[in-house]
Amino acid sequence: SIGTHLRAGQGKLQAKQQWMADHLRVAGKVTLDAGAVKVLRDQGKSLLPVGVVKVEGNFERGDVVACLDEQGQEVARGLVNYSAAETARILRTPSNEIAQILGYVDESELIHRDNLILM
């Protein structure tokens, strides 16, 4: 068959998340601290740069990255708002300090919750 099968009855967000999980190539990885993992799993919040401890790969804004816990297990996947180089510069940084480091702010989140799927 050709195309993507999305189950009937899903909302737009659920269909988008299913498509991201199943069909987009992972371009890089970010490792999260325990607090960030807990917030993603328990509260469904966006991923902020302050919770990222390590960056791997050569990804660009809009690419899919795997979000790993500190044991290397994939906990989420999402469309990233900053490149790998930018992410490396702002990891462990509160969102209100991104502009001081990069000279601009595209988004306050590294991955917005609408572009994030838990694995």
PDB file of N, CA and C in Angstrom:
ATOM      1  N   SER A   1       0.829  -1.185   0.000  1.00  0.00           N
ATOM      2  CA  SER A   1       0.000   0.000   0.000  1.00  0.00           C
ATOM      3  C   SER A   1       0.870   1.244   0.000  1.00  0.00           C
ATOM      4  N   ILE A   2       0.288   2.349  -0.384  1.00  0.00           N
ATOM      5  CA  ILE A   2       1.003   3.615  -0.485  1.00  0.00           C
ATOM      6  C   ILE A   2       0.362   4.607   0.472  1.00  0.00           C
ATOM      7  N   GLY A   3       1.198   5.389   1.138  1.00  0.00           N
ATOM      8  CA  GLY A   3       0.677   6.430   2.006  1.00  0.00           C
ATOM      9  C   GLY A   3       0.769   6.066   3.469  1.00  0.00           C
ATOM     10  N   THR A   4       0.155   6.881   4.284  1.00  0.00           N
ATOM     11  CA  THR A   4       0.166   6.718   5.729  1.00  0.00           C
ATOM     12  C   THR A   4      -1.232   6.416   6.210  1.00  0.00           C
ATOM     13  N   HIS A   5      -1.361   5.366   7.004  1.00  0.00           N
ATOM     14  CA  HIS A   5      -2.661   5.005   7.565  1.00  0.00           C
ATOM     15  C   HIS A   5      -2.786   5.649   8.937  1.00  0.00           C
ATOM     16  N   LEU A   6      -3.774   6.505   9.117  1.00  0.00           N
ATOM     17  CA  LEU A   6      -4.068   7.109  10.409  1.00  0.00           C
ATOM     18  C   LEU A   6      -5.425   6.611  10.857  1.00  0.00           C
ATOM     19  N   ARG A   7      -5.482   6.137  12.081  1.00  0.00           N
ATOM     20  CA  ARG A   7      -6.722   5.553  12.589  1.00  0.00           C
ATOM     21  C   ARG A   7      -7.837   6.589  12.673  1.00  0.00           C
ATOM     22  N   ALA A   8      -9.041   6.165  12.313  1.00  0.00           N
ATOM     23  CA  ALA A   8     -10.216   7.033  12.403  1.00  0.00           C
ATOM     24  C   ALA A   8     -10.491   7.361  13.863  1.00  0.00           C
ATOM     25  N   GLY A   9     -11.034   8.516  14.087  1.00  0.00           N
ATOM     26  CA  GLY A   9     -11.395   8.904  15.449  1.00  0.00           C
ATOM     27  C   GLY A   9     -10.274   9.613  16.190  1.00  0.00           C
ATOM     28  N   GLN A  10      -9.101   9.693  15.589  1.00  0.00           N
ATOM     29  CA  GLN A  10      -8.011  10.399  16.242  1.00  0.00           C
ATOM     30  C   GLN A  10      -8.153  11.892  15.992  1.00  0.00           C
ATOM     31  N   GLY A  11      -7.761  12.659  16.975  1.00  0.00           N
ATOM     32  CA  GLY A  11      -7.694  14.097  16.773  1.00  0.00           C
ATOM     33  C   GLY A  11      -6.482  14.432  15.923  1.00  0.00           C
ATOM     34  N   LYS A  12      -6.405  15.679  15.470  1.00  0.00           N
ATOM     35  CA  LYS A  12      -5.280  16.098  14.634  1.00  0.00           C
ATOM     36  C   LYS A  12      -3.949  15.911  15.345  1.00  0.00           C
ATOM     37  N   LEU A  13      -3.899  16.256  16.641  1.00  0.00           N
ATOM     38  CA  LEU A  13      -2.654  16.136  17.385  1.00  0.00           C
ATOM     39  C   LEU A  13      -2.233  14.682  17.502  1.00  0.00           C
ATOM     40  N   GLN A  14      -3.156  13.783  17.818  1.00  0.00           N
ATOM     41  CA  GLN A  14      -2.820  12.364  17.923  1.00  0.00           C
ATOM     42  C   GLN A  14      -2.335  11.815  16.594  1.00  0.00           C
ATOM     43  N   ALA A  15      -2.978  12.183  15.504  1.00  0.00           N
ATOM     44  CA  ALA A  15      -2.568  11.713  14.179  1.00  0.00           C
ATOM     45  C   ALA A  15      -1.168  12.221  13.844  1.00  0.00           C
ATOM     46  N   LYS A  16      -0.892  13.472  14.167  1.00  0.00           N
ATOM     47  CA  LYS A  16       0.433  14.043  13.918  1.00  0.00           C
ATOM     48  C   LYS A  16       1.486  13.295  14.718  1.00  0.00           C
ATOM     49  N   GLN A  17       1.196  13.011  15.979  1.00  0.00           N
ATOM     50  CA  GLN A  17       2.152  12.309  16.822  1.00  0.00           C
ATOM     51  C   GLN A  17       2.387  10.886  16.334  1.00  0.00           C
ATOM     52  N   GLN A  18       1.344  10.207  15.889  1.00  0.00           N
ATOM     53  CA  GLN A  18       1.504   8.859  15.341  1.00  0.00           C
ATOM     54  C   GLN A  18       2.402   8.909  14.109  1.00  0.00           C
ATOM     55  N   TRP A  19       2.162   9.869  13.240  1.00  0.00           N
ATOM     56  CA  TRP A  19       2.957  10.016  12.029  1.00  0.00           C
ATOM     57  C   TRP A  19       4.423  10.280  12.372  1.00  0.00           C
ATOM     58  N   MET A  20       4.683  11.171  13.342  1.00  0.00           N
ATOM     59  CA  MET A  20       6.062  11.465  13.744  1.00  0.00           C
ATOM     60  C   MET A  20       6.753  10.230  14.288  1.00  0.00           C
ATOM     61  N   ALA A  21       6.059   9.468  15.109  1.00  0.00           N
ATOM     62  CA  ALA A  21       6.655   8.289  15.736  1.00  0.00           C
ATOM     63  C   ALA A  21       6.993   7.215  14.719  1.00  0.00           C
ATOM     64  N   ASP A  22       6.149   7.062  13.724  1.00  0.00           N
ATOM     65  CA  ASP A  22       6.282   5.941  12.799  1.00  0.00           C
ATOM     66  C   ASP A  22       7.063   6.241  11.532  1.00  0.00           C
ATOM     67  N   HIS A  23       7.141   7.494  11.111  1.00  0.00           N
ATOM     68  CA  HIS A  23       7.626   7.758   9.761  1.00  0.00           C
ATOM     69  C   HIS A  23       8.783   8.738   9.627  1.00  0.00           C
ATOM     70  N   LEU A  24       9.145   9.425  10.656  1.00  0.00           N
ATOM     71  CA  LEU A  24      10.219  10.394  10.514  1.00  0.00           C
ATOM     72  C   LEU A  24      11.531   9.838  11.054  1.00  0.00           C
ATOM     73  N   ARG A  25      12.605  10.079  10.320  1.00  0.00           N
ATOM     74  CA  ARG A  25      13.938   9.597  10.697  1.00  0.00           C
ATOM     75  C   ARG A  25      14.486  10.447  11.844  1.00  0.00           C
ATOM     76  N   VAL A  26      15.044   9.777  12.833  1.00  0.00           N
ATOM     77  CA  VAL A  26      15.659  10.466  13.966  1.00  0.00           C
ATOM     78  C   VAL A  26      17.023  10.997  13.524  1.00  0.00           C
ATOM     79  N   ALA A  27      17.224  12.297  13.669  1.00  0.00           N
ATOM     80  CA  ALA A  27      18.448  12.943  13.193  1.00  0.00           C
ATOM     81  C   ALA A  27      19.483  13.153  14.295  1.00  0.00           C
ATOM     82  N   GLY A  28      19.085  13.003  15.549  1.00  0.00           N
ATOM     83  CA  GLY A  28      20.006  13.216  16.651  1.00  0.00           C
ATOM     84  C   GLY A  28      19.372  12.808  17.961  1.00  0.00           C
ATOM     85  N   LYS A  29      20.125  13.040  19.038  1.00  0.00           N
ATOM     86  CA  LYS A  29      19.664  12.654  20.371  1.00  0.00           C
ATOM     87  C   LYS A  29      19.983  13.766  21.357  1.00  0.00           C
ATOM     88  N   VAL A  30      19.103  13.902  22.337  1.00  0.00           N
ATOM     89  CA  VAL A  30      19.379  14.754  23.486  1.00  0.00           C
ATOM     90  C   VAL A  30      19.146  13.911  24.738  1.00  0.00           C
ATOM     91  N   THR A  31      20.046  14.044  25.695  1.00  0.00           N
ATOM     92  CA  THR A  31      19.907  13.335  26.963  1.00  0.00           C
ATOM     93  C   THR A  31      19.350  14.304  27.994  1.00  0.00           C
ATOM     94  N   LEU A  32      18.348  13.831  28.735  1.00  0.00           N
ATOM     95  CA  LEU A  32      17.627  14.667  29.692  1.00  0.00           C
ATOM     96  C   LEU A  32      17.982  14.297  31.122  1.00  0.00           C
ATOM     97  N   ASP A  33      17.934  15.264  32.005  1.00  0.00           N
ATOM     98  CA  ASP A  33      18.101  14.964  33.424  1.00  0.00           C
ATOM     99  C   ASP A  33      16.806  14.353  33.962  1.00  0.00           C
ATOM    100  N   ALA A  34      16.870  13.805  35.159  1.00  0.00           N
ATOM    101  CA  ALA A  34      15.717  13.104  35.739  1.00  0.00           C
ATOM    102  C   ALA A  34      14.513  14.024  35.905  1.00  0.00           C
ATOM    103  N   GLY A  35      14.748  15.282  36.232  1.00  0.00           N
ATOM    104  CA  GLY A  35      13.645  16.227  36.396  1.00  0.00           C
ATOM    105  C   GLY A  35      12.890  16.464  35.098  1.00  0.00           C
ATOM    106  N   ALA A  36      13.613  16.594  34.002  1.00  0.00           N
ATOM    107  CA  ALA A  36      12.969  16.798  32.698  1.00  0.00           C
ATOM    108  C   ALA A  36      12.165  15.568  32.297  1.00  0.00           C
ATOM    109  N   VAL A  37      12.714  14.383  32.529  1.00  0.00           N
ATOM    110  CA  VAL A  37      11.993  13.143  32.206  1.00  0.00           C
ATOM    111  C   VAL A  37      10.691  13.083  32.996  1.00  0.00           C
ATOM    112  N   LYS A  38      10.757  13.410  34.277  1.00  0.00           N
ATOM    113  CA  LYS A  38       9.568  13.369  35.131  1.00  0.00           C
ATOM    114  C   LYS A  38       8.501  14.353  34.644  1.00  0.00           C
ATOM    115  N   VAL A  39       8.908  15.563  34.295  1.00  0.00           N
ATOM    116  CA  VAL A  39       7.961  16.577  33.820  1.00  0.00           C
ATOM    117  C   VAL A  39       7.307  16.133  32.509  1.00  0.00           C
ATOM    118  N   LEU A  40       8.090  15.575  31.592  1.00  0.00           N
ATOM    119  CA  LEU A  40       7.519  15.098  30.326  1.00  0.00           C
ATOM    120  C   LEU A  40       6.503  13.993  30.578  1.00  0.00           C
ATOM    121  N   ARG A  41       6.887  13.012  31.390  1.00  0.00           N
ATOM    122  CA  ARG A  41       6.021  11.845  31.626  1.00  0.00           C
ATOM    123  C   ARG A  41       4.798  12.173  32.471  1.00  0.00           C
ATOM    124  N   ASP A  42       4.988  12.928  33.528  1.00  0.00           N
ATOM    125  CA  ASP A  42       3.909  13.140  34.498  1.00  0.00           C
ATOM    126  C   ASP A  42       3.016  14.337  34.185  1.00  0.00           C
ATOM    127  N   GLN A  43       3.565  15.354  33.529  1.00  0.00           N
ATOM    128  CA  GLN A  43       2.806  16.586  33.332  1.00  0.00           C
ATOM    129  C   GLN A  43       2.548  16.925  31.868  1.00  0.00           C
ATOM    130  N   GLY A  44       3.174  16.193  30.941  1.00  0.00           N
ATOM    131  CA  GLY A  44       2.948  16.450  29.522  1.00  0.00           C
ATOM    132  C   GLY A  44       3.402  17.824  29.070  1.00  0.00           C
ATOM    133  N   LYS A  45       4.441  18.338  29.699  1.00  0.00           N
ATOM    134  CA  LYS A  45       4.943  19.679  29.376  1.00  0.00           C
ATOM    135  C   LYS A  45       5.911  19.637  28.198  1.00  0.00           C
ATOM    136  N   SER A  46       6.263  20.812  27.703  1.00  0.00           N
ATOM    137  CA  SER A  46       7.275  20.956  26.663  1.00  0.00           C
ATOM    138  C   SER A  46       8.658  20.690  27.254  1.00  0.00           C
ATOM    139  N   LEU A  47       9.607  20.345  26.370  1.00  0.00           N
ATOM    140  CA  LEU A  47      10.990  20.146  26.803  1.00  0.00           C
ATOM    141  C   LEU A  47      11.724  21.476  26.721  1.00  0.00           C
ATOM    142  N   LEU A  48      12.262  21.905  27.849  1.00  0.00           N
ATOM    143  CA  LEU A  48      13.016  23.150  27.918  1.00  0.00           C
ATOM    144  C   LEU A  48      14.511  22.847  27.904  1.00  0.00           C
ATOM    145  N   PRO A  49      15.336  23.776  27.418  1.00  0.00           N
ATOM    146  CA  PRO A  49      16.779  23.535  27.357  1.00  0.00           C
ATOM    147  C   PRO A  49      17.412  23.250  28.718  1.00  0.00           C
ATOM    148  N   VAL A  50      16.850  23.783  29.784  1.00  0.00           N
ATOM    149  CA  VAL A  50      17.426  23.604  31.115  1.00  0.00           C
ATOM    150  C   VAL A  50      17.495  22.134  31.524  1.00  0.00           C
ATOM    151  N   GLY A  51      16.621  21.294  30.957  1.00  0.00           N
ATOM    152  CA  GLY A  51      16.595  19.876  31.306  1.00  0.00           C
ATOM    153  C   GLY A  51      17.477  18.992  30.452  1.00  0.00           C
ATOM    154  N   VAL A  52      18.207  19.578  29.514  1.00  0.00           N
ATOM    155  CA  VAL A  52      19.050  18.804  28.596  1.00  0.00           C
ATOM    156  C   VAL A  52      20.494  18.831  29.081  1.00  0.00           C
ATOM    157  N   VAL A  53      21.106  17.634  29.185  1.00  0.00           N
ATOM    158  CA  VAL A  53      22.478  17.538  29.681  1.00  0.00           C
ATOM    159  C   VAL A  53      23.484  17.143  28.608  1.00  0.00           C
ATOM    160  N   LYS A  54      23.011  16.637  27.450  1.00  0.00           N
ATOM    161  CA  LYS A  54      23.932  16.177  26.408  1.00  0.00           C
ATOM    162  C   LYS A  54      23.239  16.235  25.052  1.00  0.00           C
ATOM    163  N   VAL A  55      24.008  16.546  24.010  1.00  0.00           N
ATOM    164  CA  VAL A  55      23.507  16.616  22.635  1.00  0.00           C
ATOM    165  C   VAL A  55      24.366  15.713  21.762  1.00  0.00           C
ATOM    166  N   GLU A  56      23.713  14.895  20.918  1.00  0.00           N
ATOM    167  CA  GLU A  56      24.433  14.029  19.982  1.00  0.00           C
ATOM    168  C   GLU A  56      23.835  14.179  18.592  1.00  0.00           C
ATOM    169  N   GLY A  57      24.682  14.145  17.582  1.00  0.00           N
ATOM    170  CA  GLY A  57      24.212  14.198  16.203  1.00  0.00           C
ATOM    171  C   GLY A  57      24.342  15.584  15.611  1.00  0.00           C
ATOM    172  N   ASN A  58      23.949  15.681  14.350  1.00  0.00           N
ATOM    173  CA  ASN A  58      24.047  16.930  13.611  1.00  0.00           C
ATOM    174  C   ASN A  58      22.674  17.256  13.044  1.00  0.00           C
ATOM    175  N   PHE A  59      21.779  17.702  13.888  1.00  0.00           N
ATOM    176  CA  PHE A  59      20.412  17.974  13.466  1.00  0.00           C
ATOM    177  C   PHE A  59      20.187  19.465  13.274  1.00  0.00           C
ATOM    178  N   GLU A  60      19.138  19.768  12.530  1.00  0.00           N
ATOM    179  CA  GLU A  60      18.734  21.145  12.258  1.00  0.00           C
ATOM    180  C   GLU A  60      17.359  21.397  12.862  1.00  0.00           C
ATOM    181  N   ARG A  61      16.996  22.650  12.958  1.00  0.00           N
ATOM    182  CA  ARG A  61      15.653  23.019  13.422  1.00  0.00           C
ATOM    183  C   ARG A  61      14.622  22.286  12.566  1.00  0.00           C
ATOM    184  N   GLY A  62      13.619  21.683  13.202  1.00  0.00           N
ATOM    185  CA  GLY A  62      12.569  20.963  12.491  1.00  0.00           C
ATOM    186  C   GLY A  62      12.842  19.484  12.321  1.00  0.00           C
ATOM    187  N   ASP A  63      14.056  19.036  12.640  1.00  0.00           N
ATOM    188  CA  ASP A  63      14.363  17.605  12.583  1.00  0.00           C
ATOM    189  C   ASP A  63      13.774  16.894  13.793  1.00  0.00           C
ATOM    190  N   VAL A  64      13.669  15.577  13.685  1.00  0.00           N
ATOM    191  CA  VAL A  64      13.219  14.759  14.810  1.00  0.00           C
ATOM    192  C   VAL A  64      14.437  14.341  15.620  1.00  0.00           C
ATOM    193  N   VAL A  65      14.346  14.502  16.930  1.00  0.00           N
ATOM    194  CA  VAL A  65      15.392  14.021  17.825  1.00  0.00           C
ATOM    195  C   VAL A  65      14.784  13.053  18.831  1.00  0.00           C
ATOM    196  N   ALA A  66      15.596  12.090  19.235  1.00  0.00           N
ATOM    197  CA  ALA A  66      15.219  11.166  20.298  1.00  0.00           C
ATOM    198  C   ALA A  66      15.633  11.796  21.620  1.00  0.00           C
ATOM    199  N   CYS A  67      14.770  11.706  22.610  1.00  0.00           N
ATOM    200  CA  CYS A  67      15.041  12.216  23.953  1.00  0.00           C
ATOM    201  C   CYS A  67      15.310  11.015  24.850  1.00  0.00           C
ATOM    202  N   LEU A  68      16.509  10.955  25.399  1.00  0.00           N
ATOM    203  CA  LEU A  68      16.929   9.824  26.209  1.00  0.00           C
ATOM    204  C   LEU A  68      17.009  10.214  27.672  1.00  0.00           C
ATOM    205  N   ASP A  69      16.770   9.212  28.554  1.00  0.00           N
ATOM    206  CA  ASP A  69      17.038   9.452  29.967  1.00  0.00           C
ATOM    207  C   ASP A  69      18.537   9.240  30.199  1.00  0.00           C
ATOM    208  N   GLU A  70      18.990   9.438  31.403  1.00  0.00           N
ATOM    209  CA  GLU A  70      20.427   9.349  31.683  1.00  0.00           C
ATOM    210  C   GLU A  70      20.968   7.926  31.606  1.00  0.00           C
ATOM    211  N   GLN A  71      20.076   6.932  31.510  1.00  0.00           N
ATOM    212  CA  GLN A  71      20.493   5.546  31.307  1.00  0.00           C
ATOM    213  C   GLN A  71      20.519   5.180  29.819  1.00  0.00           C
ATOM    214  N   GLY A  72      20.173   6.118  28.952  1.00  0.00           N
ATOM    215  CA  GLY A  72      20.205   5.883  27.515  1.00  0.00           C
ATOM    216  C   GLY A  72      18.932   5.317  26.926  1.00  0.00           C
ATOM    217  N   GLN A  73      17.855   5.243  27.708  1.00  0.00           N
ATOM    218  CA  GLN A  73      16.575   4.738  27.214  1.00  0.00           C
ATOM    219  C   GLN A  73      15.784   5.878  26.576  1.00  0.00           C
ATOM    220  N   GLU A  74      15.196   5.616  25.407  1.00  0.00           N
ATOM    221  CA  GLU A  74      14.402   6.637  24.733  1.00  0.00           C
ATOM    222  C   GLU A  74      13.081   6.825  25.472  1.00  0.00           C
ATOM    223  N   VAL A  75      12.811   8.057  25.873  1.00  0.00           N
ATOM    224  CA  VAL A  75      11.578   8.367  26.590  1.00  0.00           C
ATOM    225  C   VAL A  75      10.613   9.184  25.744  1.00  0.00           C
ATOM    226  N   ALA A  76      11.135   9.864  24.728  1.00  0.00           N
ATOM    227  CA  ALA A  76      10.289  10.700  23.873  1.00  0.00           C
ATOM    228  C   ALA A  76      11.010  10.958  22.559  1.00  0.00           C
ATOM    229  N   ARG A  77      10.254  11.545  21.652  1.00  0.00           N
ATOM    230  CA  ARG A  77      10.750  11.920  20.333  1.00  0.00           C
ATOM    231  C   ARG A  77      10.019  13.189  19.935  1.00  0.00           C
ATOM    232  N   GLY A  78      10.704  14.101  19.254  1.00  0.00           N
ATOM    233  CA  GLY A  78      10.001  15.313  18.868  1.00  0.00           C
ATOM    234  C   GLY A  78      10.720  16.148  17.839  1.00  0.00           C
ATOM    235  N   LEU A  79       9.997  17.140  17.325  1.00  0.00           N
ATOM    236  CA  LEU A  79      10.534  18.093  16.356  1.00  0.00           C
ATOM    237  C   LEU A  79      11.218  19.221  17.126  1.00  0.00           C
ATOM    238  N   VAL A  80      12.491  19.376  16.896  1.00  0.00           N
ATOM    239  CA  VAL A  80      13.309  20.288  17.685  1.00  0.00           C
ATOM    240  C   VAL A  80      13.270  21.707  17.114  1.00  0.00           C
ATOM    241  N   ASN A  81      13.303  22.697  18.002  1.00  0.00           N
ATOM    242  CA  ASN A  81      13.238  24.103  17.606  1.00  0.00           C
ATOM    243  C   ASN A  81      14.597  24.750  17.383  1.00  0.00           C
ATOM    244  N   TYR A  82      15.679  24.049  17.707  1.00  0.00           N
ATOM    245  CA  TYR A  82      17.028  24.587  17.542  1.00  0.00           C
ATOM    246  C   TYR A  82      17.927  23.518  16.937  1.00  0.00           C
ATOM    247  N   SER A  83      18.966  23.937  16.239  1.00  0.00           N
ATOM    248  CA  SER A  83      19.933  23.002  15.662  1.00  0.00           C
ATOM    249  C   SER A  83      20.765  22.362  16.774  1.00  0.00           C
ATOM    250  N   ALA A  84      21.538  21.346  16.417  1.00  0.00           N
ATOM    251  CA  ALA A  84      22.419  20.692  17.392  1.00  0.00           C
ATOM    252  C   ALA A  84      23.429  21.687  17.956  1.00  0.00           C
ATOM    253  N   ALA A  85      24.000  22.516  17.092  1.00  0.00           N
ATOM    254  CA  ALA A  85      24.985  23.499  17.550  1.00  0.00           C
ATOM    255  C   ALA A  85      24.353  24.499  18.517  1.00  0.00           C
ATOM    256  N   GLU A  86      23.158  24.970  18.193  1.00  0.00           N
ATOM    257  CA  GLU A  86      22.461  25.903  19.082  1.00  0.00           C
ATOM    258  C   GLU A  86      22.087  25.218  20.392  1.00  0.00           C
ATOM    259  N   THR A  87      21.601  23.982  20.293  1.00  0.00           N
ATOM    260  CA  THR A  87      21.203  23.236  21.491  1.00  0.00           C
ATOM    261  C   THR A  87      22.391  23.028  22.415  1.00  0.00           C
ATOM    262  N   ALA A  88      23.553  22.706  21.848  1.00  0.00           N
ATOM    263  CA  ALA A  88      24.756  22.516  22.664  1.00  0.00           C
ATOM    264  C   ALA A  88      25.118  23.797  23.417  1.00  0.00           C
ATOM    265  N   ARG A  89      24.853  24.924  22.815  1.00  0.00           N
ATOM    266  CA  ARG A  89      25.172  26.203  23.460  1.00  0.00           C
ATOM    267  C   ARG A  89      24.193  26.556  24.578  1.00  0.00           C
ATOM    268  N   ILE A  90      22.928  26.091  24.460  1.00  0.00           N
ATOM    269  CA  ILE A  90      21.918  26.488  25.456  1.00  0.00           C
ATOM    270  C   ILE A  90      21.523  25.367  26.412  1.00  0.00           C
ATOM    271  N   LEU A  91      22.171  24.196  26.321  1.00  0.00           N
ATOM    272  CA  LEU A  91      21.775  23.139  27.255  1.00  0.00           C
ATOM    273  C   LEU A  91      22.040  23.595  28.683  1.00  0.00           C
ATOM    274  N   ARG A  92      21.172  23.150  29.598  1.00  0.00           N
ATOM    275  CA  ARG A  92      21.201  23.512  31.027  1.00  0.00           C
ATOM    276  C   ARG A  92      20.868  24.990  31.260  1.00  0.00           C
ATOM    277  N   THR A  93      20.348  25.676  30.240  1.00  0.00           N
ATOM    278  CA  THR A  93      20.067  27.106  30.332  1.00  0.00           C
ATOM    279  C   THR A  93      18.571  27.356  30.517  1.00  0.00           C
ATOM    280  N   PRO A  94      18.184  28.180  31.492  1.00  0.00           N
ATOM    281  CA  PRO A  94      16.778  28.576  31.601  1.00  0.00           C
ATOM    282  C   PRO A  94      16.337  29.313  30.331  1.00  0.00           C
ATOM    283  N   SER A  95      15.093  29.142  29.956  1.00  0.00           N
ATOM    284  CA  SER A  95      14.578  29.721  28.709  1.00  0.00           C
ATOM    285  C   SER A  95      14.746  31.235  28.639  1.00  0.00           C
ATOM    286  N   ASN A  96      14.650  31.908  29.788  1.00  0.00           N
ATOM    287  CA  ASN A  96      14.762  33.372  29.772  1.00  0.00           C
ATOM    288  C   ASN A  96      16.194  33.858  29.546  1.00  0.00           C
ATOM    289  N   GLU A  97      17.162  32.933  29.433  1.00  0.00           N
ATOM    290  CA  GLU A  97      18.554  33.310  29.175  1.00  0.00           C
ATOM    291  C   GLU A  97      19.024  32.921  27.771  1.00  0.00           C
ATOM    292  N   ILE A  98      18.142  32.338  26.952  1.00  0.00           N
ATOM    293  CA  ILE A  98      18.526  31.906  25.601  1.00  0.00           C
ATOM    294  C   ILE A  98      19.028  33.084  24.770  1.00  0.00           C
ATOM    295  N   ALA A  99      18.330  34.203  24.810  1.00  0.00           N
ATOM    296  CA  ALA A  99      18.707  35.372  24.004  1.00  0.00           C
ATOM    297  C   ALA A  99      20.098  35.887  24.362  1.00  0.00           C
ATOM    298  N   GLN A 100      20.463  35.811  25.640  1.00  0.00           N
ATOM    299  CA  GLN A 100      21.789  36.268  26.060  1.00  0.00           C
ATOM    300  C   GLN A 100      22.888  35.407  25.443  1.00  0.00           C
ATOM    301  N   ILE A 101      22.605  34.132  25.247  1.00  0.00           N
ATOM    302  CA  ILE A 101      23.614  33.212  24.721  1.00  0.00           C
ATOM    303  C   ILE A 101      23.637  33.210  23.194  1.00  0.00           C
ATOM    304  N   LEU A 102      22.459  33.091  22.578  1.00  0.00           N
ATOM    305  CA  LEU A 102      22.384  32.982  21.122  1.00  0.00           C
ATOM    306  C   LEU A 102      22.256  34.332  20.418  1.00  0.00           C
ATOM    307  N   GLY A 103      21.785  35.339  21.137  1.00  0.00           N
ATOM    308  CA  GLY A 103      21.543  36.634  20.518  1.00  0.00           C
ATOM    309  C   GLY A 103      20.151  36.754  19.926  1.00  0.00           C
ATOM    310  N   TYR A 104      19.352  35.717  20.057  1.00  0.00           N
ATOM    311  CA  TYR A 104      17.974  35.684  19.560  1.00  0.00           C
ATOM    312  C   TYR A 104      17.251  34.542  20.260  1.00  0.00           C
ATOM    313  N   VAL A 105      15.925  34.540  20.153  1.00  0.00           N
ATOM    314  CA  VAL A 105      15.105  33.447  20.667  1.00  0.00           C
ATOM    315  C   VAL A 105      14.098  33.089  19.589  1.00  0.00           C
ATOM    316  N   ASP A 106      14.189  31.869  19.062  1.00  0.00           N
ATOM    317  CA  ASP A 106      13.154  31.397  18.143  1.00  0.00           C
ATOM    318  C   ASP A 106      11.945  30.921  18.941  1.00  0.00           C
ATOM    319  N   GLU A 107      12.200  30.098  19.933  1.00  0.00           N
ATOM    320  CA  GLU A 107      11.157  29.537  20.803  1.00  0.00           C
ATOM    321  C   GLU A 107      11.741  29.394  22.201  1.00  0.00           C
ATOM    322  N   SER A 108      10.898  29.429  23.224  1.00  0.00           N
ATOM    323  CA  SER A 108      11.393  29.224  24.584  1.00  0.00           C
ATOM    324  C   SER A 108      11.584  27.744  24.892  1.00  0.00           C
ATOM    325  N   GLU A 109      10.937  26.877  24.095  1.00  0.00           N
ATOM    326  CA  GLU A 109      11.047  25.432  24.302  1.00  0.00           C
ATOM    327  C   GLU A 109      12.037  24.842  23.303  1.00  0.00           C
ATOM    328  N   LEU A 110      12.747  23.812  23.726  1.00  0.00           N
ATOM    329  CA  LEU A 110      13.565  23.052  22.782  1.00  0.00           C
ATOM    330  C   LEU A 110      12.644  22.219  21.897  1.00  0.00           C
ATOM    331  N   ILE A 111      11.634  21.581  22.520  1.00  0.00           N
ATOM    332  CA  ILE A 111      10.594  20.856  21.784  1.00  0.00           C
ATOM    333  C   ILE A 111       9.251  21.200  22.425  1.00  0.00           C
ATOM    334  N   HIS A 112       8.348  21.768  21.647  1.00  0.00           N
ATOM    335  CA  HIS A 112       7.019  22.100  22.156  1.00  0.00           C
ATOM    336  C   HIS A 112       6.229  20.809  22.374  1.00  0.00           C
ATOM    337  N   ARG A 113       5.403  20.785  23.387  1.00  0.00           N
ATOM    338  CA  ARG A 113       4.648  19.570  23.725  1.00  0.00           C
ATOM    339  C   ARG A 113       3.762  19.079  22.585  1.00  0.00           C
ATOM    340  N   ASP A 114       3.290  19.978  21.716  1.00  0.00           N
ATOM    341  CA  ASP A 114       2.479  19.553  20.574  1.00  0.00           C
ATOM    342  C   ASP A 114       3.306  18.815  19.524  1.00  0.00           C
ATOM    343  N   ASN A 115       4.631  18.947  19.602  1.00  0.00           N
ATOM    344  CA  ASN A 115       5.538  18.282  18.664  1.00  0.00           C
ATOM    345  C   ASN A 115       6.354  17.191  19.346  1.00  0.00           C
ATOM    346  N   LEU A 116       5.844  16.671  20.453  1.00  0.00           N
ATOM    347  CA  LEU A 116       6.559  15.704  21.280  1.00  0.00           C
ATOM    348  C   LEU A 116       5.692  14.485  21.519  1.00  0.00           C
ATOM    349  N   ILE A 117       6.281  13.313  21.389  1.00  0.00           N
ATOM    350  CA  ILE A 117       5.554  12.077  21.685  1.00  0.00           C
ATOM    351  C   ILE A 117       6.343  11.253  22.688  1.00  0.00           C
ATOM    352  N   LEU A 118       5.649  10.744  23.677  1.00  0.00           N
ATOM    353  CA  LEU A 118       6.277   9.858  24.653  1.00  0.00           C
ATOM    354  C   LEU A 118       6.366   8.464  24.064  1.00  0.00           C
ATOM    355  N   MET A 119       7.452   7.792  24.352  1.00  0.00           N
ATOM    356  CA  MET A 119       7.673   6.449  23.813  1.00  0.00           C
ATOM    357  C   MET A 119       7.351   5.407  24.883  1.00  0.00           C
TER     358      MET A 119
END
